[in-house]
Amino acid sequence: MICKANDIEHRLTKPNHPCTNGPVKGMNRTIKEGSRDGNPYPRVFYRRGRHSRPEIAQPLSAIYGEDMSNPVRLISPKRHGDARGWFTEIYSVPAFEQLGIPCTFVQDNHSLSVPAFTLRGLHFQTPPRGQDKLVRCVRGRIFDVAVDIRRTSPTYGKWIGAELSAENGNQLFIPIGFAHGFVTLEDNCEVSYKCSDTYAPDSDGGIRWDDPAIGIDWPMPAGTVPELSTKDAVQPLLADFNSPFPYDGRPLAPLA
């Protein structure tokens, strides 16, 4: 089955997909990249799926090899399993430094979203209180998104997304200069994430989750209206945002 969204061709390995109003649990898909506006960087890239056995996941230090240029990183901590279950190391300063992620995290946040298709985002904090984030789902499944909002970036306004779940154990590292949001794919999802700075209300910012200039392909059945906070329902459009974030020379690229 093939689904086309945002000019990207998704080759599905299982028959159920949000575009068919079916479940997406456990789906893997490969992608043919494209761009409707001639930009050499695709509008959206996916890596989705799950690990059926703990030992399939890769160790932190071996995920990307020598390629550490992508600012947003999908991290798959190794799970050591036996008859009792499994053990995993989700964060280590030396291991993250090997991955080119030297930031220090100072605050952990934990959210519960009861209804499926609860959407939180798109959020960020402006300088000098910007936040790097390391996001994981500890119960259920979410689709996690980062949007490039660095001024002069060749991928400004482009987005990248991945499914994070308690089962696959994946984490998404989202650096300063990207807006972050997620939608839950099941009831009673819990999300935990680390931040490199504490919450600063005066620096709190956001972008509309459904901004057509960004065009995020949220994996929700057709016609679904997500559960939103009052604040997220009225966030400004990207066109009305004067970005204070500088571009560091690393464009957004497909997840490894």
C-alpha atoms as a PDB file:
ATOM      1  CA  MET A   1       0.000   0.000   0.000  1.00  0.00           C
ATOM      2  CA  ILE A   2       1.218   3.501  -0.775  1.00  0.00           C
ATOM      3  CA  CYS A   3       0.124   6.681   0.986  1.00  0.00           C
ATOM      4  CA  LYS A   4       1.071  10.117  -0.296  1.00  0.00           C
ATOM      5  CA  ALA A   5       1.199  13.047   2.104  1.00  0.00           C
ATOM      6  CA  ASN A   6       3.152  16.284   1.803  1.00  0.00           C
ATOM      7  CA  ASP A   7       4.494  15.023  -1.535  1.00  0.00           C
ATOM      8  CA  ILE A   8       6.250  12.170   0.262  1.00  0.00           C
ATOM      9  CA  GLU A   9       5.582   8.609  -0.846  1.00  0.00           C
ATOM     10  CA  HIS A  10       5.218   6.214   2.082  1.00  0.00           C
ATOM     11  CA  ARG A  11       5.597   2.545   1.229  1.00  0.00           C
ATOM     12  CA  LEU A  12       3.724   0.731   3.949  1.00  0.00           C
ATOM     13  CA  THR A  13       4.692  -2.733   5.145  1.00  0.00           C
ATOM     14  CA  LYS A  14       1.400  -3.285   6.972  1.00  0.00           C
ATOM     15  CA  PRO A  15      -2.129  -2.570   5.780  1.00  0.00           C
ATOM     16  CA  ASN A  16      -3.219  -0.265   8.584  1.00  0.00           C
ATOM     17  CA  HIS A  17      -2.285   3.401   8.590  1.00  0.00           C
ATOM     18  CA  PRO A  18      -3.836   6.655   9.839  1.00  0.00           C
ATOM     19  CA  CYS A  19      -4.901   7.517   6.293  1.00  0.00           C
ATOM     20  CA  THR A  20      -7.054   4.374   6.308  1.00  0.00           C
ATOM     21  CA  ASN A  21      -8.390   5.070   9.815  1.00  0.00           C
ATOM     22  CA  GLY A  22      -6.552   1.995  11.041  1.00  0.00           C
ATOM     23  CA  PRO A  23      -4.069   1.471  13.871  1.00  0.00           C
ATOM     24  CA  VAL A  24      -0.447   2.406  13.381  1.00  0.00           C
ATOM     25  CA  LYS A  25       1.109   0.312  16.138  1.00  0.00           C
ATOM     26  CA  GLY A  26       4.245  -1.476  15.027  1.00  0.00           C
ATOM     27  CA  MET A  27       4.277   0.028  11.547  1.00  0.00           C
ATOM     28  CA  ASN A  28       7.495   0.440   9.636  1.00  0.00           C
ATOM     29  CA  ARG A  29       7.715   2.385   6.439  1.00  0.00           C
ATOM     30  CA  THR A  30      10.321   3.485   3.955  1.00  0.00           C
ATOM     31  CA  ILE A  31      10.266   6.852   2.321  1.00  0.00           C
ATOM     32  CA  LYS A  32      10.823   8.414  -1.035  1.00  0.00           C
ATOM     33  CA  GLU A  33      11.848  11.989  -0.309  1.00  0.00           C
ATOM     34  CA  GLY A  34      10.475  14.921  -2.259  1.00  0.00           C
ATOM     35  CA  SER A  35       9.843  18.624  -2.113  1.00  0.00           C
ATOM     36  CA  ARG A  36       6.978  20.572  -3.562  1.00  0.00           C
ATOM     37  CA  ASP A  37       8.808  23.898  -3.547  1.00  0.00           C
ATOM     38  CA  GLY A  38      12.122  22.881  -5.099  1.00  0.00           C
ATOM     39  CA  ASN A  39      14.003  23.122  -1.797  1.00  0.00           C
ATOM     40  CA  PRO A  40      16.751  20.462  -1.795  1.00  0.00           C
ATOM     41  CA  TYR A  41      15.759  19.488   1.733  1.00  0.00           C
ATOM     42  CA  PRO A  42      12.575  17.414   2.043  1.00  0.00           C
ATOM     43  CA  ARG A  43       9.660  18.861   3.985  1.00  0.00           C
ATOM     44  CA  VAL A  44       9.354  15.841   6.243  1.00  0.00           C
ATOM     45  CA  PHE A  45      11.266  12.702   7.077  1.00  0.00           C
ATOM     46  CA  TYR A  46      10.091   9.724   9.086  1.00  0.00           C
ATOM     47  CA  ARG A  47      11.627   6.862  10.926  1.00  0.00           C
ATOM     48  CA  ARG A  48       8.942   4.853  12.627  1.00  0.00           C
ATOM     49  CA  GLY A  49       8.587   1.396  14.048  1.00  0.00           C
ATOM     50  CA  ARG A  50       9.225  -0.769  17.083  1.00  0.00           C
ATOM     51  CA  HIS A  51      11.659  -3.294  18.483  1.00  0.00           C
ATOM     52  CA  SER A  52      10.081  -6.671  19.214  1.00  0.00           C
ATOM     53  CA  ARG A  53      13.112  -7.812  21.246  1.00  0.00           C
ATOM     54  CA  PRO A  54      15.248  -5.672  23.566  1.00  0.00           C
ATOM     55  CA  GLU A  55      18.552  -6.782  22.029  1.00  0.00           C
ATOM     56  CA  ILE A  56      17.702  -5.312  18.614  1.00  0.00           C
ATOM     57  CA  ALA A  57      18.291  -1.709  19.761  1.00  0.00           C
ATOM     58  CA  GLN A  58      21.759  -0.257  19.226  1.00  0.00           C
ATOM     59  CA  PRO A  59      24.078   1.130  21.923  1.00  0.00           C
ATOM     60  CA  LEU A  60      24.184   4.897  22.247  1.00  0.00           C
ATOM     61  CA  SER A  61      27.751   5.214  21.000  1.00  0.00           C
ATOM     62  CA  ALA A  62      27.112   3.241  17.790  1.00  0.00           C
ATOM     63  CA  ILE A  63      23.922   4.780  16.414  1.00  0.00           C
ATOM     64  CA  TYR A  64      25.236   7.377  13.992  1.00  0.00           C
ATOM     65  CA  GLY A  65      28.810   6.317  13.336  1.00  0.00           C
ATOM     66  CA  GLU A  66      30.790   9.299  12.108  1.00  0.00           C
ATOM     67  CA  ASP A  67      27.749  11.316  10.986  1.00  0.00           C
ATOM     68  CA  MET A  68      26.911  13.688  13.809  1.00  0.00           C
ATOM     69  CA  SER A  69      25.902  16.653  11.669  1.00  0.00           C
ATOM     70  CA  ASN A  70      22.109  16.408  12.080  1.00  0.00           C
ATOM     71  CA  PRO A  71      20.918  18.783  14.821  1.00  0.00           C
ATOM     72  CA  VAL A  72      17.898  16.571  15.696  1.00  0.00           C
ATOM     73  CA  ARG A  73      18.862  13.040  16.721  1.00  0.00           C
ATOM     74  CA  LEU A  74      16.906   9.810  17.146  1.00  0.00           C
ATOM     75  CA  ILE A  75      18.564   7.781  19.895  1.00  0.00           C
ATOM     76  CA  SER A  76      17.937   4.076  20.543  1.00  0.00           C
ATOM     77  CA  PRO A  77      19.445   2.999  23.889  1.00  0.00           C
ATOM     78  CA  LYS A  78      20.455  -0.640  24.117  1.00  0.00           C
ATOM     79  CA  ARG A  79      18.236  -2.861  26.257  1.00  0.00           C
ATOM     80  CA  HIS A  80      19.897  -5.753  28.087  1.00  0.00           C
ATOM     81  CA  GLY A  81      17.241  -8.432  28.506  1.00  0.00           C
ATOM     82  CA  ASP A  82      16.884 -11.729  30.333  1.00  0.00           C
ATOM     83  CA  ALA A  83      14.090 -13.803  31.885  1.00  0.00           C
ATOM     84  CA  ARG A  84      13.305 -11.021  34.360  1.00  0.00           C
ATOM     85  CA  GLY A  85      12.830  -8.317  31.729  1.00  0.00           C
ATOM     86  CA  TRP A  86      15.408  -5.752  30.652  1.00  0.00           C
ATOM     87  CA  PHE A  87      17.688  -2.940  31.799  1.00  0.00           C
ATOM     88  CA  THR A  88      18.654   0.149  29.806  1.00  0.00           C
ATOM     89  CA  GLU A  89      20.824   3.222  30.271  1.00  0.00           C
ATOM     90  CA  ILE A  90      18.806   6.135  28.929  1.00  0.00           C
ATOM     91  CA  TYR A  91      21.261   8.951  29.596  1.00  0.00           C
ATOM     92  CA  SER A  92      24.998   9.132  30.215  1.00  0.00           C
ATOM     93  CA  VAL A  93      27.142  12.260  29.968  1.00  0.00           C
ATOM     94  CA  PRO A  94      30.126  10.443  28.373  1.00  0.00           C
ATOM     95  CA  ALA A  95      27.932   8.535  25.906  1.00  0.00           C
ATOM     96  CA  PHE A  96      26.071  11.678  24.826  1.00  0.00           C
ATOM     97  CA  GLU A  97      29.355  13.543  24.421  1.00  0.00           C
ATOM     98  CA  GLN A  98      30.422  10.763  22.024  1.00  0.00           C
ATOM     99  CA  LEU A  99      27.258  11.509  20.056  1.00  0.00           C
ATOM    100  CA  GLY A 100      28.121  15.198  19.866  1.00  0.00           C
ATOM    101  CA  ILE A 101      25.486  16.196  22.457  1.00  0.00           C
ATOM    102  CA  PRO A 102      27.450  17.961  25.219  1.00  0.00           C
ATOM    103  CA  CYS A 103      24.582  19.867  26.862  1.00  0.00           C
ATOM    104  CA  THR A 104      23.794  19.517  30.558  1.00  0.00           C
ATOM    105  CA  PHE A 105      20.203  18.759  31.566  1.00  0.00           C
ATOM    106  CA  VAL A 106      18.891  20.505  34.670  1.00  0.00           C
ATOM    107  CA  GLN A 107      15.138  19.764  34.714  1.00  0.00           C
ATOM    108  CA  ASP A 108      12.988  16.674  34.078  1.00  0.00           C
ATOM    109  CA  ASN A 109       9.313  16.999  33.081  1.00  0.00           C
ATOM    110  CA  HIS A 110       6.634  14.278  33.047  1.00  0.00           C
ATOM    111  CA  SER A 111       3.175  14.554  31.483  1.00  0.00           C
ATOM    112  CA  LEU A 112       0.094  12.332  31.350  1.00  0.00           C
ATOM    113  CA  SER A 113      -2.314  12.707  28.415  1.00  0.00           C
ATOM    114  CA  VAL A 114      -5.498  10.718  29.037  1.00  0.00           C
ATOM    115  CA  PRO A 115      -7.350  10.869  25.672  1.00  0.00           C
ATOM    116  CA  ALA A 116      -5.753   9.542  22.492  1.00  0.00           C
ATOM    117  CA  PHE A 117      -4.887  12.298  19.998  1.00  0.00           C
ATOM    118  CA  THR A 118      -3.995  14.799  22.679  1.00  0.00           C
ATOM    119  CA  LEU A 119      -1.647  17.282  21.018  1.00  0.00           C
ATOM    120  CA  ARG A 120       0.866  19.400  22.911  1.00  0.00           C
ATOM    121  CA  GLY A 121       2.864  22.025  21.008  1.00  0.00           C
ATOM    122  CA  LEU A 122       4.547  23.542  19.235  1.00  0.00           C
ATOM    123  CA  HIS A 123       6.665  24.914  22.109  1.00  0.00           C
ATOM    124  CA  PHE A 124      10.074  26.486  22.705  1.00  0.00           C
ATOM    125  CA  GLN A 125      11.868  28.956  24.969  1.00  0.00           C
ATOM    126  CA  THR A 126      13.660  31.951  23.487  1.00  0.00           C
ATOM    127  CA  PRO A 127      17.242  33.030  24.314  1.00  0.00           C
ATOM    128  CA  PRO A 128      18.820  33.412  26.744  1.00  0.00           C
ATOM    129  CA  ARG A 129      16.606  30.685  28.267  1.00  0.00           C
ATOM    130  CA  GLY A 130      16.494  28.280  25.323  1.00  0.00           C
ATOM    131  CA  GLN A 131      16.054  24.577  26.078  1.00  0.00           C
ATOM    132  CA  ASP A 132      17.638  21.497  24.551  1.00  0.00           C
ATOM    133  CA  LYS A 133      15.227  18.594  25.094  1.00  0.00           C
ATOM    134  CA  LEU A 134      15.588  14.811  25.282  1.00  0.00           C
ATOM    135  CA  VAL A 135      12.131  13.266  24.894  1.00  0.00           C
ATOM    136  CA  ARG A 136      10.918   9.724  25.505  1.00  0.00           C
ATOM    137  CA  CYS A 137       7.549   8.037  25.926  1.00  0.00           C
ATOM    138  CA  VAL A 138       7.330   5.843  29.031  1.00  0.00           C
ATOM    139  CA  ARG A 139       3.744   4.664  28.530  1.00  0.00           C
ATOM    140  CA  GLY A 140       1.863   4.248  25.255  1.00  0.00           C
ATOM    141  CA  ARG A 141       2.935   5.782  21.920  1.00  0.00           C
ATOM    142  CA  ILE A 142       3.398   9.311  20.614  1.00  0.00           C
ATOM    143  CA  PHE A 143       4.410  10.966  17.354  1.00  0.00           C
ATOM    144  CA  ASP A 144       7.110  13.473  18.305  1.00  0.00           C
ATOM    145  CA  VAL A 145       7.955  16.471  16.089  1.00  0.00           C
ATOM    146  CA  ALA A 146      10.676  19.107  15.809  1.00  0.00           C
ATOM    147  CA  VAL A 147      10.385  22.211  13.572  1.00  0.00           C
ATOM    148  CA  ASP A 148      13.400  24.240  12.467  1.00  0.00           C
ATOM    149  CA  ILE A 149      12.868  27.876  13.544  1.00  0.00           C
ATOM    150  CA  ARG A 150      16.476  29.110  13.205  1.00  0.00           C
ATOM    151  CA  ARG A 151      16.592  32.285  11.132  1.00  0.00           C
ATOM    152  CA  THR A 152      18.476  31.990   7.793  1.00  0.00           C
ATOM    153  CA  SER A 153      18.452  28.183   8.023  1.00  0.00           C
ATOM    154  CA  PRO A 154      17.919  26.558   4.596  1.00  0.00           C
ATOM    155  CA  THR A 155      15.467  24.216   6.326  1.00  0.00           C
ATOM    156  CA  TYR A 156      13.594  26.958   8.192  1.00  0.00           C
ATOM    157  CA  GLY A 157       9.988  25.866   8.763  1.00  0.00           C
ATOM    158  CA  LYS A 158      10.715  22.236   7.849  1.00  0.00           C
ATOM    159  CA  TRP A 159       9.877  19.481  10.277  1.00  0.00           C
ATOM    160  CA  ILE A 160      10.994  16.032  11.287  1.00  0.00           C
ATOM    161  CA  GLY A 161       9.074  13.401  13.253  1.00  0.00           C
ATOM    162  CA  ALA A 162       9.386   9.951  14.822  1.00  0.00           C
ATOM    163  CA  GLU A 163       7.222   7.569  16.775  1.00  0.00           C
ATOM    164  CA  LEU A 164       8.383   7.150  20.364  1.00  0.00           C
ATOM    165  CA  SER A 165       6.870   4.443  22.527  1.00  0.00           C
ATOM    166  CA  ALA A 166       7.366   2.601  25.781  1.00  0.00           C
ATOM    167  CA  GLU A 167       7.969  -0.476  23.650  1.00  0.00           C
ATOM    168  CA  ASN A 168      10.626   0.798  21.257  1.00  0.00           C
ATOM    169  CA  GLY A 169      12.438   2.898  23.890  1.00  0.00           C
ATOM    170  CA  ASN A 170      13.548   5.508  21.357  1.00  0.00           C
ATOM    171  CA  GLN A 171      14.342   9.068  22.373  1.00  0.00           C
ATOM    172  CA  LEU A 172      14.395  12.274  20.325  1.00  0.00           C
ATOM    173  CA  PHE A 173      17.007  14.940  21.038  1.00  0.00           C
ATOM    174  CA  ILE A 174      15.709  18.394  20.051  1.00  0.00           C
ATOM    175  CA  PRO A 175      18.213  21.258  20.320  1.00  0.00           C
ATOM    176  CA  ILE A 176      17.682  24.941  20.962  1.00  0.00           C
ATOM    177  CA  GLY A 177      16.313  26.579  17.821  1.00  0.00           C
ATOM    178  CA  PHE A 178      13.590  24.002  17.193  1.00  0.00           C
ATOM    179  CA  ALA A 179       9.940  24.058  18.213  1.00  0.00           C
ATOM    180  CA  HIS A 180       8.713  20.818  19.788  1.00  0.00           C
ATOM    181  CA  GLY A 181       5.352  19.092  19.905  1.00  0.00           C
ATOM    182  CA  PHE A 182       3.751  15.661  20.014  1.00  0.00           C
ATOM    183  CA  VAL A 183       0.438  13.920  19.556  1.00  0.00           C
ATOM    184  CA  THR A 184      -0.547  10.836  21.533  1.00  0.00           C
ATOM    185  CA  LEU A 185      -1.546   7.730  19.558  1.00  0.00           C
ATOM    186  CA  GLU A 186      -3.161   5.868  22.464  1.00  0.00           C
ATOM    187  CA  ASP A 187      -5.086   6.650  25.639  1.00  0.00           C
ATOM    188  CA  ASN A 188      -3.152   7.329  28.844  1.00  0.00           C
ATOM    189  CA  CYS A 189       0.225   8.211  27.353  1.00  0.00           C
ATOM    190  CA  GLU A 190       3.025   9.384  29.626  1.00  0.00           C
ATOM    191  CA  VAL A 191       5.952  11.409  28.309  1.00  0.00           C
ATOM    192  CA  SER A 192       9.147  12.251  30.150  1.00  0.00           C
ATOM    193  CA  TYR A 193      11.742  14.704  28.895  1.00  0.00           C
ATOM    194  CA  LYS A 194      14.909  16.373  30.046  1.00  0.00           C
ATOM    195  CA  CYS A 195      15.590  20.106  29.562  1.00  0.00           C
ATOM    196  CA  SER A 196      18.873  22.020  29.565  1.00  0.00           C
ATOM    197  CA  ASP A 197      17.267  25.007  31.327  1.00  0.00           C
ATOM    198  CA  THR A 198      14.427  25.438  33.777  1.00  0.00           C
ATOM    199  CA  TYR A 199      11.015  26.780  32.834  1.00  0.00           C
ATOM    200  CA  ALA A 200      11.056  30.540  32.187  1.00  0.00           C
ATOM    201  CA  PRO A 201       7.566  32.023  31.648  1.00  0.00           C
ATOM    202  CA  ASP A 202       8.954  35.241  30.143  1.00  0.00           C
ATOM    203  CA  SER A 203      10.766  33.213  27.458  1.00  0.00           C
ATOM    204  CA  ASP A 204       7.899  30.837  26.722  1.00  0.00           C
ATOM    205  CA  GLY A 205       6.920  30.733  23.034  1.00  0.00           C
ATOM    206  CA  GLY A 206       4.914  28.704  20.564  1.00  0.00           C
ATOM    207  CA  ILE A 207       3.773  28.161  16.965  1.00  0.00           C
ATOM    208  CA  ARG A 208       0.415  26.852  15.729  1.00  0.00           C
ATOM    209  CA  TRP A 209       0.306  23.056  15.506  1.00  0.00           C
ATOM    210  CA  ASP A 210      -1.605  23.205  12.206  1.00  0.00           C
ATOM    211  CA  ASP A 211       0.260  26.078  10.536  1.00  0.00           C
ATOM    212  CA  PRO A 212      -0.176  25.403   6.787  1.00  0.00           C
ATOM    213  CA  ALA A 213       3.232  26.921   6.060  1.00  0.00           C
ATOM    214  CA  ILE A 214       4.790  24.082   8.073  1.00  0.00           C
ATOM    215  CA  GLY A 215       2.318  21.379   7.049  1.00  0.00           C
ATOM    216  CA  ILE A 216       2.974  18.733   9.693  1.00  0.00           C
ATOM    217  CA  ASP A 217       1.443  15.385   8.731  1.00  0.00           C
ATOM    218  CA  TRP A 218       0.104  14.457  12.169  1.00  0.00           C
ATOM    219  CA  PRO A 219      -0.825  10.736  12.137  1.00  0.00           C
ATOM    220  CA  MET A 220      -4.487  11.125  13.053  1.00  0.00           C
ATOM    221  CA  PRO A 221      -7.542   9.672  11.294  1.00  0.00           C
ATOM    222  CA  ALA A 222      -9.149  12.035   8.794  1.00  0.00           C
ATOM    223  CA  GLY A 223     -11.467  14.531  10.487  1.00  0.00           C
ATOM    224  CA  THR A 224      -9.957  14.079  13.949  1.00  0.00           C
ATOM    225  CA  VAL A 225      -9.819  17.219  16.083  1.00  0.00           C
ATOM    226  CA  PRO A 226      -7.009  16.839  18.632  1.00  0.00           C
ATOM    227  CA  GLU A 227      -7.335  17.650  22.307  1.00  0.00           C
ATOM    228  CA  LEU A 228      -5.602  21.022  22.777  1.00  0.00           C
ATOM    229  CA  SER A 229      -4.905  23.404  25.620  1.00  0.00           C
ATOM    230  CA  THR A 230      -6.427  26.855  25.388  1.00  0.00           C
ATOM    231  CA  LYS A 231      -2.949  28.287  24.823  1.00  0.00           C
ATOM    232  CA  ASP A 232      -2.027  25.880  22.029  1.00  0.00           C
ATOM    233  CA  ALA A 233      -5.289  26.531  20.187  1.00  0.00           C
ATOM    234  CA  VAL A 234      -4.332  30.183  19.632  1.00  0.00           C
ATOM    235  CA  GLN A 235      -0.556  30.088  19.127  1.00  0.00           C
ATOM    236  CA  PRO A 236       0.732  32.438  16.377  1.00  0.00           C
ATOM    237  CA  LEU A 237       1.656  31.376  12.855  1.00  0.00           C
ATOM    238  CA  LEU A 238       5.287  30.987  11.831  1.00  0.00           C
ATOM    239  CA  ALA A 239       4.913  33.981   9.491  1.00  0.00           C
ATOM    240  CA  ASP A 240       4.181  36.163  12.528  1.00  0.00           C
ATOM    241  CA  PHE A 241       7.222  34.943  14.466  1.00  0.00           C
ATOM    242  CA  ASN A 242      10.458  36.950  14.428  1.00  0.00           C
ATOM    243  CA  SER A 243      12.997  34.263  15.227  1.00  0.00           C
ATOM    244  CA  PRO A 244      15.786  35.121  17.683  1.00  0.00           C
ATOM    245  CA  PHE A 245      17.526  31.780  17.052  1.00  0.00           C
ATOM    246  CA  PRO A 246      20.751  31.864  15.008  1.00  0.00           C
ATOM    247  CA  TYR A 247      21.611  29.263  12.379  1.00  0.00           C
ATOM    248  CA  ASP A 248      24.639  27.131  13.306  1.00  0.00           C
ATOM    249  CA  GLY A 249      25.459  25.803   9.826  1.00  0.00           C
ATOM    250  CA  ARG A 250      23.767  22.423  10.245  1.00  0.00           C
ATOM    251  CA  PRO A 251      20.571  22.026   8.173  1.00  0.00           C
ATOM    252  CA  LEU A 252      17.864  19.610   9.237  1.00  0.00           C
ATOM    253  CA  ALA A 253      18.398  16.204   7.624  1.00  0.00           C
ATOM    254  CA  PRO A 254      16.673  12.789   7.599  1.00  0.00           C
ATOM    255  CA  LEU A 255      16.809  10.797  10.814  1.00  0.00           C
ATOM    256  CA  ALA A 256      19.416   8.044  10.678  1.00  0.00           C
END
